[in-house]
């Protein structure tokens, strides 16, 4: 009896571990939905795509980058970190 119970608990634990592992290895970016194939939804989709292309062309003509594109950092600037001075005092309230 105990061996069956432990076997069942082990199998459930393994299934939970595998489910967690599989759920964590998904796509990290937004998913693009395929275009609709029929009717008004397709017409709306194509109109939206044309509008987005026109906006991109207008931005390119004006010389402004797309809102989601950031300029690259300066070559001599560390990315994501600020230099730490060994003589700097800790901020007020720091432990």
PDB file of N, CA and C in Angstrom:
ATOM      1  N   UNK A   1       0.819  -1.195   0.000  1.00  0.00           N
ATOM      2  CA  UNK A   1       0.000   0.000   0.000  1.00  0.00           C
ATOM      3  C   UNK A   1       0.860   1.256   0.000  1.00  0.00           C
ATOM      4  N   UNK A   2       1.849   1.296   0.882  1.00  0.00           N
ATOM      5  CA  UNK A   2       2.701   2.476   0.975  1.00  0.00           C
ATOM      6  C   UNK A   2       3.517   2.690  -0.289  1.00  0.00           C
ATOM      7  N   UNK A   3       3.939   1.602  -0.914  1.00  0.00           N
ATOM      8  CA  UNK A   3       4.736   1.758  -2.121  1.00  0.00           C
ATOM      9  C   UNK A   3       3.901   2.348  -3.252  1.00  0.00           C
ATOM     10  N   UNK A   4       2.624   1.974  -3.328  1.00  0.00           N
ATOM     11  CA  UNK A   4       1.756   2.566  -4.350  1.00  0.00           C
ATOM     12  C   UNK A   4       1.551   4.055  -4.100  1.00  0.00           C
ATOM     13  N   UNK A   5       1.367   4.413  -2.842  1.00  0.00           N
ATOM     14  CA  UNK A   5       1.165   5.817  -2.498  1.00  0.00           C
ATOM     15  C   UNK A   5       2.403   6.630  -2.824  1.00  0.00           C
ATOM     16  N   UNK A   6       3.576   6.122  -2.447  1.00  0.00           N
ATOM     17  CA  UNK A   6       4.819   6.832  -2.746  1.00  0.00           C
ATOM     18  C   UNK A   6       5.069   6.911  -4.246  1.00  0.00           C
ATOM     19  N   UNK A   7       4.701   5.849  -4.956  1.00  0.00           N
ATOM     20  CA  UNK A   7       4.847   5.855  -6.406  1.00  0.00           C
ATOM     21  C   UNK A   7       3.937   6.905  -7.042  1.00  0.00           C
ATOM     22  N   UNK A   8       2.693   7.004  -6.546  1.00  0.00           N
ATOM     23  CA  UNK A   8       1.756   7.995  -7.057  1.00  0.00           C
ATOM     24  C   UNK A   8       2.244   9.411  -6.753  1.00  0.00           C
ATOM     25  N   UNK A   9       2.713   9.626  -5.527  1.00  0.00           N
ATOM     26  CA  UNK A   9       3.227  10.955  -5.152  1.00  0.00           C
ATOM     27  C   UNK A   9       4.450  11.296  -5.998  1.00  0.00           C
ATOM     28  N   UNK A  10       5.317  10.339  -6.238  1.00  0.00           N
ATOM     29  CA  UNK A  10       6.496  10.572  -7.070  1.00  0.00           C
ATOM     30  C   UNK A  10       6.127  10.927  -8.503  1.00  0.00           C
ATOM     31  N   UNK A  11       5.139  10.208  -9.037  1.00  0.00           N
ATOM     32  CA  UNK A  11       4.699  10.487 -10.408  1.00  0.00           C
ATOM     33  C   UNK A  11       4.065  11.864 -10.509  1.00  0.00           C
ATOM     34  N   UNK A  12       3.257  12.240  -9.505  1.00  0.00           N
ATOM     35  CA  UNK A  12       2.651  13.577  -9.518  1.00  0.00           C
ATOM     36  C   UNK A  12       3.712  14.663  -9.380  1.00  0.00           C
ATOM     37  N   UNK A  13       4.694  14.433  -8.548  1.00  0.00           N
ATOM     38  CA  UNK A  13       5.792  15.393  -8.397  1.00  0.00           C
ATOM     39  C   UNK A  13       6.578  15.552  -9.683  1.00  0.00           C
ATOM     40  N   UNK A  14       6.846  14.458 -10.354  1.00  0.00           N
ATOM     41  CA  UNK A  14       7.573  14.515 -11.629  1.00  0.00           C
ATOM     42  C   UNK A  14       6.746  15.245 -12.677  1.00  0.00           C
ATOM     43  N   UNK A  15       5.443  15.001 -12.721  1.00  0.00           N
ATOM     44  CA  UNK A  15       4.582  15.691 -13.685  1.00  0.00           C
ATOM     45  C   UNK A  15       4.560  17.187 -13.396  1.00  0.00           C
ATOM     46  N   UNK A  16       4.511  17.559 -12.122  1.00  0.00           N
ATOM     47  CA  UNK A  16       4.529  18.970 -11.754  1.00  0.00           C
ATOM     48  C   UNK A  16       5.852  19.622 -12.146  1.00  0.00           C
ATOM     49  N   UNK A  17       6.950  18.918 -11.908  1.00  0.00           N
ATOM     50  CA  UNK A  17       8.267  19.459 -12.275  1.00  0.00           C
ATOM     51  C   UNK A  17       8.382  19.627 -13.789  1.00  0.00           C
ATOM     52  N   UNK A  18       7.901  18.652 -14.544  1.00  0.00           N
ATOM     53  CA  UNK A  18       7.980  18.742 -16.002  1.00  0.00           C
ATOM     54  C   UNK A  18       7.077  19.855 -16.525  1.00  0.00           C
ATOM     55  N   UNK A  19       5.902  20.006 -15.947  1.00  0.00           N
ATOM     56  CA  UNK A  19       4.994  21.072 -16.373  1.00  0.00           C
ATOM     57  C   UNK A  19       5.616  22.431 -16.113  1.00  0.00           C
ATOM     58  N   UNK A  20       6.234  22.605 -14.957  1.00  0.00           N
ATOM     59  CA  UNK A  20       6.891  23.872 -14.628  1.00  0.00           C
ATOM     60  C   UNK A  20       8.034  24.144 -15.592  1.00  0.00           C
ATOM     61  N   UNK A  21       8.839  23.139 -15.883  1.00  0.00           N
ATOM     62  CA  UNK A  21       9.968  23.324 -16.792  1.00  0.00           C
ATOM     63  C   UNK A  21       9.494  23.678 -18.197  1.00  0.00           C
ATOM     64  N   UNK A  22       8.464  23.007 -18.667  1.00  0.00           N
ATOM     65  CA  UNK A  22       7.964  23.295 -20.009  1.00  0.00           C
ATOM     66  C   UNK A  22       7.293  24.665 -20.084  1.00  0.00           C
ATOM     67  N   UNK A  23       6.649  25.079 -19.016  1.00  0.00           N
ATOM     68  CA  UNK A  23       5.983  26.385 -19.025  1.00  0.00           C
ATOM     69  C   UNK A  23       6.995  27.520 -18.999  1.00  0.00           C
ATOM     70  N   UNK A  24       8.168  27.286 -18.458  1.00  0.00           N
ATOM     71  CA  UNK A  24       9.152  28.362 -18.339  1.00  0.00           C
ATOM     72  C   UNK A  24      10.009  28.527 -19.589  1.00  0.00           C
ATOM     73  N   UNK A  25       9.915  27.643 -20.556  1.00  0.00           N
ATOM     74  CA  UNK A  25      10.785  27.747 -21.724  1.00  0.00           C
ATOM     75  C   UNK A  25       9.996  28.192 -22.958  1.00  0.00           C
ATOM     76  N   UNK A  26       9.144  29.164 -22.788  1.00  0.00           N
ATOM     77  CA  UNK A  26       8.337  29.642 -23.897  1.00  0.00           C
ATOM     78  C   UNK A  26       9.000  30.794 -24.633  1.00  0.00           C
ATOM     79  N   UNK A  27       8.272  31.377 -25.539  1.00  0.00           N
ATOM     80  CA  UNK A  27       8.738  32.513 -26.313  1.00  0.00           C
ATOM     81  C   UNK A  27       8.775  33.734 -25.397  1.00  0.00           C
ATOM     82  N   UNK A  28       9.864  34.482 -25.424  1.00  0.00           N
ATOM     83  CA  UNK A  28      10.031  35.614 -24.525  1.00  0.00           C
ATOM     84  C   UNK A  28       9.561  36.933 -25.138  1.00  0.00           C
ATOM     85  N   UNK A  29       9.157  36.951 -26.375  1.00  0.00           N
ATOM     86  CA  UNK A  29       8.709  38.182 -27.024  1.00  0.00           C
ATOM     87  C   UNK A  29       7.218  38.081 -27.320  1.00  0.00           C
ATOM     88  N   UNK A  30       6.671  39.147 -27.833  1.00  0.00           N
ATOM     89  CA  UNK A  30       5.261  39.137 -28.191  1.00  0.00           C
ATOM     90  C   UNK A  30       4.999  38.195 -29.358  1.00  0.00           C
ATOM     91  N   UNK A  31       3.837  37.639 -29.361  1.00  0.00           N
ATOM     92  CA  UNK A  31       3.481  36.717 -30.432  1.00  0.00           C
ATOM     93  C   UNK A  31       2.746  37.470 -31.527  1.00  0.00           C
ATOM     94  N   UNK A  32       3.145  37.247 -32.754  1.00  0.00           N
ATOM     95  CA  UNK A  32       2.461  37.849 -33.889  1.00  0.00           C
ATOM     96  C   UNK A  32       1.343  36.917 -34.312  1.00  0.00           C
ATOM     97  N   UNK A  33       0.162  37.474 -34.399  1.00  0.00           N
ATOM     98  CA  UNK A  33      -0.971  36.669 -34.826  1.00  0.00           C
ATOM     99  C   UNK A  33      -1.003  36.635 -36.348  1.00  0.00           C
ATOM    100  N   UNK A  34      -1.409  35.521 -36.930  1.00  0.00           N
ATOM    101  CA  UNK A  34      -1.510  35.457 -38.385  1.00  0.00           C
ATOM    102  C   UNK A  34      -2.649  36.354 -38.878  1.00  0.00           C
ATOM    103  N   UNK A  35      -2.521  36.779 -40.094  1.00  0.00           N
ATOM    104  CA  UNK A  35      -3.539  37.658 -40.678  1.00  0.00           C
ATOM    105  C   UNK A  35      -4.849  36.895 -40.871  1.00  0.00           C
ATOM    106  N   UNK A  36      -5.975  37.564 -40.658  1.00  0.00           N
ATOM    107  CA  UNK A  36      -7.262  36.922 -40.952  1.00  0.00           C
ATOM    108  C   UNK A  36      -7.351  36.592 -42.443  1.00  0.00           C
ATOM    109  N   UNK A  37      -8.087  35.581 -42.766  1.00  0.00           N
ATOM    110  CA  UNK A  37      -8.133  35.136 -44.149  1.00  0.00           C
ATOM    111  C   UNK A  37      -9.389  35.562 -44.894  1.00  0.00           C
ATOM    112  N   UNK A  38     -10.463  35.909 -44.184  1.00  0.00           N
ATOM    113  CA  UNK A  38     -11.720  36.151 -44.865  1.00  0.00           C
ATOM    114  C   UNK A  38     -12.419  37.392 -44.332  1.00  0.00           C
ATOM    115  N   UNK A  39     -13.290  37.962 -45.166  1.00  0.00           N
ATOM    116  CA  UNK A  39     -14.272  38.958 -44.763  1.00  0.00           C
ATOM    117  C   UNK A  39     -13.741  40.289 -44.277  1.00  0.00           C
ATOM    118  N   UNK A  40     -14.552  40.929 -43.446  1.00  0.00           N
ATOM    119  CA  UNK A  40     -14.257  42.265 -42.951  1.00  0.00           C
ATOM    120  C   UNK A  40     -13.002  42.282 -42.091  1.00  0.00           C
ATOM    121  N   UNK A  41     -12.752  41.214 -41.353  1.00  0.00           N
ATOM    122  CA  UNK A  41     -11.559  41.158 -40.511  1.00  0.00           C
ATOM    123  C   UNK A  41     -10.295  41.272 -41.357  1.00  0.00           C
ATOM    124  N   UNK A  42     -10.288  40.632 -42.526  1.00  0.00           N
ATOM    125  CA  UNK A  42      -9.114  40.724 -43.416  1.00  0.00           C
ATOM    126  C   UNK A  42      -8.967  42.139 -43.956  1.00  0.00           C
ATOM    127  N   UNK A  43     -10.076  42.765 -44.346  1.00  0.00           N
ATOM    128  CA  UNK A  43     -10.013  44.136 -44.845  1.00  0.00           C
ATOM    129  C   UNK A  43      -9.510  45.089 -43.765  1.00  0.00           C
ATOM    130  N   UNK A  44     -10.008  44.922 -42.544  1.00  0.00           N
ATOM    131  CA  UNK A  44      -9.544  45.758 -41.437  1.00  0.00           C
ATOM    132  C   UNK A  44      -8.064  45.549 -41.167  1.00  0.00           C
ATOM    133  N   UNK A  45      -7.611  44.282 -41.227  1.00  0.00           N
ATOM    134  CA  UNK A  45      -6.208  43.971 -40.997  1.00  0.00           C
ATOM    135  C   UNK A  45      -5.327  44.627 -42.059  1.00  0.00           C
ATOM    136  N   UNK A  46      -5.721  44.504 -43.322  1.00  0.00           N
ATOM    137  CA  UNK A  46      -4.922  45.094 -44.399  1.00  0.00           C
ATOM    138  C   UNK A  46      -4.890  46.620 -44.289  1.00  0.00           C
ATOM    139  N   UNK A  47      -6.015  47.233 -43.909  1.00  0.00           N
ATOM    140  CA  UNK A  47      -6.044  48.683 -43.723  1.00  0.00           C
ATOM    141  C   UNK A  47      -5.119  49.095 -42.582  1.00  0.00           C
ATOM    142  N   UNK A  48      -5.110  48.323 -41.508  1.00  0.00           N
ATOM    143  CA  UNK A  48      -4.224  48.621 -40.371  1.00  0.00           C
ATOM    144  C   UNK A  48      -2.755  48.489 -40.769  1.00  0.00           C
ATOM    145  N   UNK A  49      -2.433  47.460 -41.566  1.00  0.00           N
ATOM    146  CA  UNK A  49      -1.061  47.285 -42.020  1.00  0.00           C
ATOM    147  C   UNK A  49      -0.624  48.443 -42.912  1.00  0.00           C
ATOM    148  N   UNK A  50      -1.510  48.901 -43.795  1.00  0.00           N
ATOM    149  CA  UNK A  50      -1.189  50.049 -44.647  1.00  0.00           C
ATOM    150  C   UNK A  50      -0.978  51.308 -43.807  1.00  0.00           C
ATOM    151  N   UNK A  51      -1.805  51.480 -42.768  1.00  0.00           N
ATOM    152  CA  UNK A  51      -1.662  52.646 -41.883  1.00  0.00           C
ATOM    153  C   UNK A  51      -0.322  52.599 -41.154  1.00  0.00           C
ATOM    154  N   UNK A  52       0.069  51.412 -40.667  1.00  0.00           N
ATOM    155  CA  UNK A  52       1.349  51.282 -39.984  1.00  0.00           C
ATOM    156  C   UNK A  52       2.522  51.550 -40.920  1.00  0.00           C
ATOM    157  N   UNK A  53       2.417  51.082 -42.166  1.00  0.00           N
ATOM    158  CA  UNK A  53       3.480  51.349 -43.144  1.00  0.00           C
ATOM    159  C   UNK A  53       3.578  52.833 -43.447  1.00  0.00           C
ATOM    160  N   UNK A  54       2.425  53.503 -43.565  1.00  0.00           N
ATOM    161  CA  UNK A  54       2.437  54.944 -43.841  1.00  0.00           C
ATOM    162  C   UNK A  54       3.042  55.718 -42.660  1.00  0.00           C
ATOM    163  N   UNK A  55       2.726  55.307 -41.433  1.00  0.00           N
ATOM    164  CA  UNK A  55       3.317  55.962 -40.263  1.00  0.00           C
ATOM    165  C   UNK A  55       4.822  55.752 -40.223  1.00  0.00           C
ATOM    166  N   UNK A  56       5.271  54.553 -40.544  1.00  0.00           N
ATOM    167  CA  UNK A  56       6.708  54.273 -40.555  1.00  0.00           C
ATOM    168  C   UNK A  56       7.412  55.094 -41.626  1.00  0.00           C
ATOM    169  N   UNK A  57       6.781  55.223 -42.798  1.00  0.00           N
ATOM    170  CA  UNK A  57       7.376  56.022 -43.863  1.00  0.00           C
ATOM    171  C   UNK A  57       7.427  57.497 -43.472  1.00  0.00           C
ATOM    172  N   UNK A  58       6.384  57.988 -42.797  1.00  0.00           N
ATOM    173  CA  UNK A  58       6.378  59.382 -42.350  1.00  0.00           C
ATOM    174  C   UNK A  58       7.453  59.615 -41.297  1.00  0.00           C
ATOM    175  N   UNK A  59       7.635  58.655 -40.386  1.00  0.00           N
ATOM    176  CA  UNK A  59       8.693  58.793 -39.378  1.00  0.00           C
ATOM    177  C   UNK A  59      10.065  58.777 -40.034  1.00  0.00           C
ATOM    178  N   UNK A  60      10.248  57.903 -41.029  1.00  0.00           N
ATOM    179  CA  UNK A  60      11.535  57.824 -41.720  1.00  0.00           C
ATOM    180  C   UNK A  60      11.817  59.125 -42.474  1.00  0.00           C
ATOM    181  N   UNK A  61      10.792  59.696 -43.076  1.00  0.00           N
ATOM    182  CA  UNK A  61      10.981  60.951 -43.809  1.00  0.00           C
ATOM    183  C   UNK A  61      11.298  62.095 -42.848  1.00  0.00           C
ATOM    184  N   UNK A  62      10.709  62.062 -41.652  1.00  0.00           N
ATOM    185  CA  UNK A  62      10.953  63.119 -40.668  1.00  0.00           C
ATOM    186  C   UNK A  62      12.267  62.888 -39.923  1.00  0.00           C
ATOM    187  N   UNK A  63      12.812  61.693 -40.001  1.00  0.00           N
ATOM    188  CA  UNK A  63      14.074  61.409 -39.334  1.00  0.00           C
ATOM    189  C   UNK A  63      13.925  61.044 -37.873  1.00  0.00           C
ATOM    190  N   UNK A  64      12.724  60.750 -37.418  1.00  0.00           N
ATOM    191  CA  UNK A  64      12.532  60.353 -36.024  1.00  0.00           C
ATOM    192  C   UNK A  64      12.477  58.834 -35.956  1.00  0.00           C
ATOM    193  N   UNK A  65      13.108  58.246 -34.929  1.00  0.00           N
ATOM    194  CA  UNK A  65      13.069  56.780 -34.821  1.00  0.00           C
ATOM    195  C   UNK A  65      11.699  56.301 -34.372  1.00  0.00           C
ATOM    196  N   UNK A  66      11.451  55.054 -34.616  1.00  0.00           N
ATOM    197  CA  UNK A  66      10.201  54.450 -34.152  1.00  0.00           C
ATOM    198  C   UNK A  66      10.169  54.499 -32.633  1.00  0.00           C
ATOM    199  N   UNK A  67       9.004  54.579 -32.027  1.00  0.00           N
ATOM    200  CA  UNK A  67       8.929  54.720 -30.577  1.00  0.00           C
ATOM    201  C   UNK A  67       9.581  53.575 -29.804  1.00  0.00           C
ATOM    202  N   UNK A  68       9.596  52.357 -30.330  1.00  0.00           N
ATOM    203  CA  UNK A  68      10.144  51.232 -29.592  1.00  0.00           C
ATOM    204  C   UNK A  68      11.646  51.060 -29.803  1.00  0.00           C
ATOM    205  N   UNK A  69      12.263  51.881 -30.650  1.00  0.00           N
ATOM    206  CA  UNK A  69      13.686  51.756 -30.935  1.00  0.00           C
ATOM    207  C   UNK A  69      14.443  52.791 -30.111  1.00  0.00           C
ATOM    208  N   UNK A  70      15.410  52.331 -29.324  1.00  0.00           N
ATOM    209  CA  UNK A  70      16.228  53.220 -28.521  1.00  0.00           C
ATOM    210  C   UNK A  70      17.583  53.410 -29.187  1.00  0.00           C
ATOM    211  N   UNK A  71      18.190  54.579 -29.042  1.00  0.00           N
ATOM    212  CA  UNK A  71      19.521  54.765 -29.620  1.00  0.00           C
ATOM    213  C   UNK A  71      20.537  53.917 -28.862  1.00  0.00           C
ATOM    214  N   UNK A  72      21.599  53.481 -29.520  1.00  0.00           N
ATOM    215  CA  UNK A  72      22.605  52.669 -28.835  1.00  0.00           C
ATOM    216  C   UNK A  72      23.382  53.522 -27.830  1.00  0.00           C
ATOM    217  N   UNK A  73      23.933  52.910 -26.777  1.00  0.00           N
ATOM    218  CA  UNK A  73      24.703  53.682 -25.803  1.00  0.00           C
ATOM    219  C   UNK A  73      26.019  54.148 -26.403  1.00  0.00           C
ATOM    220  N   UNK A  74      26.592  55.158 -25.791  1.00  0.00           N
ATOM    221  CA  UNK A  74      27.886  55.663 -26.238  1.00  0.00           C
ATOM    222  C   UNK A  74      28.929  54.553 -26.092  1.00  0.00           C
ATOM    223  N   UNK A  75      29.965  54.525 -26.957  1.00  0.00           N
ATOM    224  CA  UNK A  75      30.933  53.432 -26.910  1.00  0.00           C
ATOM    225  C   UNK A  75      31.690  53.327 -25.582  1.00  0.00           C
ATOM    226  N   UNK A  76      31.946  54.448 -24.912  1.00  0.00           N
ATOM    227  CA  UNK A  76      32.738  54.395 -23.684  1.00  0.00           C
ATOM    228  C   UNK A  76      31.872  54.395 -22.427  1.00  0.00           C
ATOM    229  N   UNK A  77      30.576  54.287 -22.572  1.00  0.00           N
ATOM    230  CA  UNK A  77      29.666  54.318 -21.431  1.00  0.00           C
ATOM    231  C   UNK A  77      29.286  52.889 -21.055  1.00  0.00           C
ATOM    232  N   UNK A  78      29.440  52.511 -19.760  1.00  0.00           N
ATOM    233  CA  UNK A  78      29.032  51.159 -19.381  1.00  0.00           C
ATOM    234  C   UNK A  78      27.518  51.018 -19.499  1.00  0.00           C
ATOM    235  N   UNK A  79      27.088  49.856 -19.910  1.00  0.00           N
ATOM    236  CA  UNK A  79      25.671  49.618 -20.115  1.00  0.00           C
ATOM    237  C   UNK A  79      25.075  49.026 -18.839  1.00  0.00           C
ATOM    238  N   UNK A  80      24.049  49.700 -18.289  1.00  0.00           N
ATOM    239  CA  UNK A  80      23.322  49.162 -17.168  1.00  0.00           C
ATOM    240  C   UNK A  80      23.987  49.304 -15.817  1.00  0.00           C
ATOM    241  N   UNK A  81      25.152  49.912 -15.745  1.00  0.00           N
ATOM    242  CA  UNK A  81      25.835  50.063 -14.469  1.00  0.00           C
ATOM    243  C   UNK A  81      26.374  51.475 -14.347  1.00  0.00           C
ATOM    244  N   UNK A  82      26.455  51.940 -13.134  1.00  0.00           N
ATOM    245  CA  UNK A  82      27.101  53.216 -12.873  1.00  0.00           C
ATOM    246  C   UNK A  82      28.396  52.927 -12.142  1.00  0.00           C
ATOM    247  N   UNK A  83      29.450  53.678 -12.429  1.00  0.00           N
ATOM    248  CA  UNK A  83      30.718  53.420 -11.747  1.00  0.00           C
ATOM    249  C   UNK A  83      30.578  53.694 -10.245  1.00  0.00           C
ATOM    250  N   UNK A  84      31.252  52.909  -9.446  1.00  0.00           N
ATOM    251  CA  UNK A  84      31.210  53.063  -7.996  1.00  0.00           C
ATOM    252  C   UNK A  84      32.523  53.689  -7.550  1.00  0.00           C
ATOM    253  N   UNK A  85      32.412  54.769  -6.830  1.00  0.00           N
ATOM    254  CA  UNK A  85      33.599  55.444  -6.316  1.00  0.00           C
ATOM    255  C   UNK A  85      33.962  54.841  -4.968  1.00  0.00           C
ATOM    256  N   UNK A  86      35.234  54.455  -4.762  1.00  0.00           N
ATOM    257  CA  UNK A  86      35.598  53.879  -3.465  1.00  0.00           C
ATOM    258  C   UNK A  86      35.560  54.894  -2.343  1.00  0.00           C
ATOM    259  N   UNK A  87      35.592  56.183  -2.664  1.00  0.00           N
ATOM    260  CA  UNK A  87      35.571  57.196  -1.606  1.00  0.00           C
ATOM    261  C   UNK A  87      34.173  57.760  -1.353  1.00  0.00           C
ATOM    262  N   UNK A  88      33.187  57.291  -2.098  1.00  0.00           N
ATOM    263  CA  UNK A  88      31.848  57.839  -1.935  1.00  0.00           C
ATOM    264  C   UNK A  88      31.230  57.319  -0.646  1.00  0.00           C
ATOM    265  N   UNK A  89      30.481  58.178   0.032  1.00  0.00           N
ATOM    266  CA  UNK A  89      29.809  57.773   1.253  1.00  0.00           C
ATOM    267  C   UNK A  89      28.452  57.161   0.884  1.00  0.00           C
ATOM    268  N   UNK A  90      27.942  56.288   1.727  1.00  0.00           N
ATOM    269  CA  UNK A  90      26.646  55.672   1.415  1.00  0.00           C
ATOM    270  C   UNK A  90      25.542  56.705   1.485  1.00  0.00           C
ATOM    271  N   UNK A  91      24.463  56.486   0.752  1.00  0.00           N
ATOM    272  CA  UNK A  91      23.352  57.433   0.790  1.00  0.00           C
ATOM    273  C   UNK A  91      22.719  57.465   2.170  1.00  0.00           C
ATOM    274  N   UNK A  92      22.077  58.580   2.520  1.00  0.00           N
ATOM    275  CA  UNK A  92      21.459  58.651   3.835  1.00  0.00           C
ATOM    276  C   UNK A  92      20.388  57.578   4.010  1.00  0.00           C
ATOM    277  N   UNK A  93      20.374  56.966   5.162  1.00  0.00           N
ATOM    278  CA  UNK A  93      19.391  55.926   5.439  1.00  0.00           C
ATOM    279  C   UNK A  93      19.813  54.542   5.008  1.00  0.00           C
ATOM    280  N   UNK A  94      20.994  54.409   4.393  1.00  0.00           N
ATOM    281  CA  UNK A  94      21.471  53.093   3.975  1.00  0.00           C
ATOM    282  C   UNK A  94      22.036  52.348   5.171  1.00  0.00           C
ATOM    283  N   UNK A  95      21.904  51.044   5.233  1.00  0.00           N
ATOM    284  CA  UNK A  95      22.424  50.303   6.389  1.00  0.00           C
ATOM    285  C   UNK A  95      23.931  50.221   6.398  1.00  0.00           C
TER     286      UNK A  95
END
